[in-house]
Amino acid sequence: MWVVKLEPNVISHNAGISACEKGKQWQWALALLSEMWEAKLEPNAIISYIAATCACERCGQWRHALSLLSDMRECNVETSEVSYSLCITAYERSSRNSAGFPGYLVIGLSRFRVSCEALCVWEPAGQPL
């Protein structure tokens, strides 16, 4: 019998985060993203963060989506219109629409509004989410 020891890597973590996003398991998506940093694996802005933010968006977890946006900035990970739009859409999906959502995001990004369904199935140059 063969014994093979496989080490988790960026690709396996991204696959897990993407699966969590599709299954609306935002807590697990955030846990996997955190685990990437702990394992000294650098998350990818397009795949890792967008998939985790999509998971939060699908469940209306706008505070967590904003936290991811803040983390991206702190870690010098490139943010995009997609990141901001997902935060806005997460807020709109939240059942209670809590007070405290930063108005500058809504005002400054109204022209970047995109359907979340289009964002969550977006595939950049041969890199499926």
C-alpha atoms as a PDB file:
ATOM      1  CA  MET A   1       0.000   0.000   0.000  1.00  0.00           C
ATOM      2  CA  TRP A   2       1.224   3.498  -0.846  1.00  0.00           C
ATOM      3  CA  VAL A   3       1.255   6.248   1.713  1.00  0.00           C
ATOM      4  CA  VAL A   4       1.121   9.751   0.351  1.00  0.00           C
ATOM      5  CA  LYS A   5       1.148  12.844   2.485  1.00  0.00           C
ATOM      6  CA  LEU A   6      -0.407  15.832   0.778  1.00  0.00           C
ATOM      7  CA  GLU A   7       0.094  19.303   2.146  1.00  0.00           C
ATOM      8  CA  PRO A   8      -2.686  21.888   1.806  1.00  0.00           C
ATOM      9  CA  ASN A   9      -1.810  24.668  -0.625  1.00  0.00           C
ATOM     10  CA  VAL A  10      -3.360  27.817  -2.086  1.00  0.00           C
ATOM     11  CA  ILE A  11      -5.242  25.817  -4.719  1.00  0.00           C
ATOM     12  CA  SER A  12      -6.814  23.403  -2.234  1.00  0.00           C
ATOM     13  CA  HIS A  13      -7.797  26.257   0.076  1.00  0.00           C
ATOM     14  CA  ASN A  14      -9.300  28.244  -2.814  1.00  0.00           C
ATOM     15  CA  ALA A  15     -11.295  25.185  -3.866  1.00  0.00           C
ATOM     16  CA  GLY A  16     -12.603  24.832  -0.323  1.00  0.00           C
ATOM     17  CA  ILE A  17     -13.507  28.521  -0.056  1.00  0.00           C
ATOM     18  CA  SER A  18     -15.270  28.370  -3.409  1.00  0.00           C
ATOM     19  CA  ALA A  19     -17.230  25.295  -2.316  1.00  0.00           C
ATOM     20  CA  CYS A  20     -18.232  27.098   0.892  1.00  0.00           C
ATOM     21  CA  GLU A  21     -19.370  30.091  -1.146  1.00  0.00           C
ATOM     22  CA  LYS A  22     -21.563  27.910  -3.338  1.00  0.00           C
ATOM     23  CA  GLY A  23     -22.957  26.114  -0.271  1.00  0.00           C
ATOM     24  CA  LYS A  24     -23.618  29.374   1.604  1.00  0.00           C
ATOM     25  CA  GLN A  25     -21.227  28.370   4.382  1.00  0.00           C
ATOM     26  CA  TRP A  26     -19.708  31.786   5.045  1.00  0.00           C
ATOM     27  CA  GLN A  27     -18.264  30.797   8.461  1.00  0.00           C
ATOM     28  CA  TRP A  28     -16.235  27.977   6.912  1.00  0.00           C
ATOM     29  CA  ALA A  29     -15.115  30.188   4.031  1.00  0.00           C
ATOM     30  CA  LEU A  30     -13.743  32.731   6.514  1.00  0.00           C
ATOM     31  CA  ALA A  31     -12.123  29.966   8.555  1.00  0.00           C
ATOM     32  CA  LEU A  32     -10.342  28.601   5.477  1.00  0.00           C
ATOM     33  CA  LEU A  33      -9.156  32.083   4.520  1.00  0.00           C
ATOM     34  CA  SER A  34      -7.802  32.594   8.029  1.00  0.00           C
ATOM     35  CA  GLU A  35      -6.148  29.181   7.895  1.00  0.00           C
ATOM     36  CA  MET A  36      -4.345  30.213   4.716  1.00  0.00           C
ATOM     37  CA  TRP A  37      -2.652  33.105   6.533  1.00  0.00           C
ATOM     38  CA  GLU A  38      -1.779  30.872   9.500  1.00  0.00           C
ATOM     39  CA  ALA A  39      -0.178  28.351   7.127  1.00  0.00           C
ATOM     40  CA  LYS A  40       1.817  31.184   5.491  1.00  0.00           C
ATOM     41  CA  LEU A  41      -0.072  30.701   2.208  1.00  0.00           C
ATOM     42  CA  GLU A  42      -0.783  33.997   0.479  1.00  0.00           C
ATOM     43  CA  PRO A  43      -4.471  34.319  -0.451  1.00  0.00           C
ATOM     44  CA  ASN A  44      -5.223  35.397  -4.003  1.00  0.00           C
ATOM     45  CA  ALA A  45      -7.249  38.610  -4.338  1.00  0.00           C
ATOM     46  CA  ILE A  46      -9.327  37.416  -7.248  1.00  0.00           C
ATOM     47  CA  ILE A  47     -10.060  33.897  -6.072  1.00  0.00           C
ATOM     48  CA  SER A  48      -9.584  33.644  -2.299  1.00  0.00           C
ATOM     49  CA  TYR A  49     -11.029  36.957  -1.194  1.00  0.00           C
ATOM     50  CA  ILE A  50     -13.761  37.287  -3.799  1.00  0.00           C
ATOM     51  CA  ALA A  51     -15.035  33.749  -3.111  1.00  0.00           C
ATOM     52  CA  ALA A  52     -15.027  34.414   0.659  1.00  0.00           C
ATOM     53  CA  THR A  53     -16.753  37.765   0.149  1.00  0.00           C
ATOM     54  CA  CYS A  54     -19.330  36.084  -2.123  1.00  0.00           C
ATOM     55  CA  ALA A  55     -20.037  33.579   0.648  1.00  0.00           C
ATOM     56  CA  CYS A  56     -20.712  36.469   3.037  1.00  0.00           C
ATOM     57  CA  GLU A  57     -22.756  38.296   0.416  1.00  0.00           C
ATOM     58  CA  ARG A  58     -25.017  35.319  -0.287  1.00  0.00           C
ATOM     59  CA  CYS A  59     -25.915  35.142   3.398  1.00  0.00           C
ATOM     60  CA  GLY A  60     -26.292  38.894   3.931  1.00  0.00           C
ATOM     61  CA  GLN A  61     -23.222  39.031   6.184  1.00  0.00           C
ATOM     62  CA  TRP A  62     -22.272  42.565   5.202  1.00  0.00           C
ATOM     63  CA  ARG A  63     -20.192  43.279   8.313  1.00  0.00           C
ATOM     64  CA  HIS A  64     -18.004  40.277   7.533  1.00  0.00           C
ATOM     65  CA  ALA A  65     -17.807  41.314   3.880  1.00  0.00           C
ATOM     66  CA  LEU A  66     -16.622  44.774   4.981  1.00  0.00           C
ATOM     67  CA  SER A  67     -14.142  43.151   7.346  1.00  0.00           C
ATOM     68  CA  LEU A  68     -12.689  41.204   4.411  1.00  0.00           C
ATOM     69  CA  LEU A  69     -12.402  44.432   2.432  1.00  0.00           C
ATOM     70  CA  SER A  70     -10.536  45.998   5.350  1.00  0.00           C
ATOM     71  CA  ASP A  71      -8.275  42.937   5.634  1.00  0.00           C
ATOM     72  CA  MET A  72      -7.468  43.175   1.935  1.00  0.00           C
ATOM     73  CA  ARG A  73      -6.343  46.762   2.366  1.00  0.00           C
ATOM     74  CA  GLU A  74      -4.256  45.993   5.467  1.00  0.00           C
ATOM     75  CA  CYS A  75      -2.517  43.082   3.729  1.00  0.00           C
ATOM     76  CA  ASN A  76      -1.915  45.093   0.542  1.00  0.00           C
ATOM     77  CA  VAL A  77      -4.197  42.797  -1.449  1.00  0.00           C
ATOM     78  CA  GLU A  78      -5.689  44.589  -4.439  1.00  0.00           C
ATOM     79  CA  THR A  79      -9.335  45.575  -4.009  1.00  0.00           C
ATOM     80  CA  SER A  80     -11.687  46.125  -6.901  1.00  0.00           C
ATOM     81  CA  GLU A  81     -15.162  47.309  -7.811  1.00  0.00           C
ATOM     82  CA  VAL A  82     -16.255  43.696  -7.332  1.00  0.00           C
ATOM     83  CA  SER A  83     -15.137  43.727  -3.688  1.00  0.00           C
ATOM     84  CA  TYR A  84     -17.080  46.899  -2.953  1.00  0.00           C
ATOM     85  CA  SER A  85     -20.139  45.818  -4.911  1.00  0.00           C
ATOM     86  CA  LEU A  86     -20.307  42.543  -2.984  1.00  0.00           C
ATOM     87  CA  CYS A  87     -20.304  44.464   0.296  1.00  0.00           C
ATOM     88  CA  ILE A  88     -23.198  46.614  -0.897  1.00  0.00           C
ATOM     89  CA  THR A  89     -25.145  43.598  -2.158  1.00  0.00           C
ATOM     90  CA  ALA A  90     -24.510  41.770   1.137  1.00  0.00           C
ATOM     91  CA  TYR A  91     -26.047  44.713   2.952  1.00  0.00           C
ATOM     92  CA  GLU A  92     -29.044  44.681   0.652  1.00  0.00           C
ATOM     93  CA  ARG A  93     -29.506  40.935   1.249  1.00  0.00           C
ATOM     94  CA  SER A  94     -29.295  41.207   5.026  1.00  0.00           C
ATOM     95  CA  SER A  95     -32.695  40.602   6.558  1.00  0.00           C
ATOM     96  CA  ARG A  96     -32.498  43.413   9.058  1.00  0.00           C
ATOM     97  CA  ASN A  97     -30.535  45.987   7.032  1.00  0.00           C
ATOM     98  CA  SER A  98     -28.762  47.120  10.179  1.00  0.00           C
ATOM     99  CA  ALA A  99     -27.850  50.738  10.611  1.00  0.00           C
ATOM    100  CA  GLY A 100     -24.216  51.630  10.339  1.00  0.00           C
ATOM    101  CA  PHE A 101     -23.389  50.692   6.761  1.00  0.00           C
ATOM    102  CA  PRO A 102     -20.819  53.213   5.482  1.00  0.00           C
ATOM    103  CA  GLY A 103     -22.715  55.503   3.133  1.00  0.00           C
ATOM    104  CA  TYR A 104     -19.591  56.406   1.150  1.00  0.00           C
ATOM    105  CA  LEU A 105     -19.556  52.877  -0.252  1.00  0.00           C
ATOM    106  CA  VAL A 106     -23.078  53.230  -1.593  1.00  0.00           C
ATOM    107  CA  ILE A 107     -22.599  56.754  -2.932  1.00  0.00           C
ATOM    108  CA  GLY A 108     -19.171  56.228  -4.460  1.00  0.00           C
ATOM    109  CA  LEU A 109     -19.881  52.870  -5.995  1.00  0.00           C
ATOM    110  CA  SER A 110     -23.415  53.125  -7.316  1.00  0.00           C
ATOM    111  CA  ARG A 111     -22.032  53.113 -10.871  1.00  0.00           C
ATOM    112  CA  PHE A 112     -20.284  49.770 -10.262  1.00  0.00           C
ATOM    113  CA  ARG A 113     -23.438  47.863  -9.304  1.00  0.00           C
ATOM    114  CA  VAL A 114     -23.380  44.415 -10.806  1.00  0.00           C
ATOM    115  CA  SER A 115     -25.622  41.433 -10.253  1.00  0.00           C
ATOM    116  CA  CYS A 116     -24.126  39.172  -7.584  1.00  0.00           C
ATOM    117  CA  GLU A 117     -25.013  36.109  -9.588  1.00  0.00           C
ATOM    118  CA  ALA A 118     -22.796  37.400 -12.398  1.00  0.00           C
ATOM    119  CA  LEU A 119     -19.980  38.136  -9.936  1.00  0.00           C
ATOM    120  CA  CYS A 120     -20.107  34.780  -8.210  1.00  0.00           C
ATOM    121  CA  VAL A 121     -19.815  32.818 -11.434  1.00  0.00           C
ATOM    122  CA  TRP A 122     -17.216  35.130 -12.987  1.00  0.00           C
ATOM    123  CA  GLU A 123     -14.128  33.226 -14.096  1.00  0.00           C
ATOM    124  CA  PRO A 124     -10.959  35.262 -14.679  1.00  0.00           C
ATOM    125  CA  ALA A 125      -8.744  33.981 -17.511  1.00  0.00           C
ATOM    126  CA  GLY A 126      -8.967  30.261 -16.970  1.00  0.00           C
ATOM    127  CA  GLN A 127      -9.077  30.414 -13.161  1.00  0.00           C
ATOM    128  CA  PRO A 128     -12.498  29.114 -12.074  1.00  0.00           C
ATOM    129  CA  LEU A 129     -13.739  30.387  -8.746  1.00  0.00           C
END
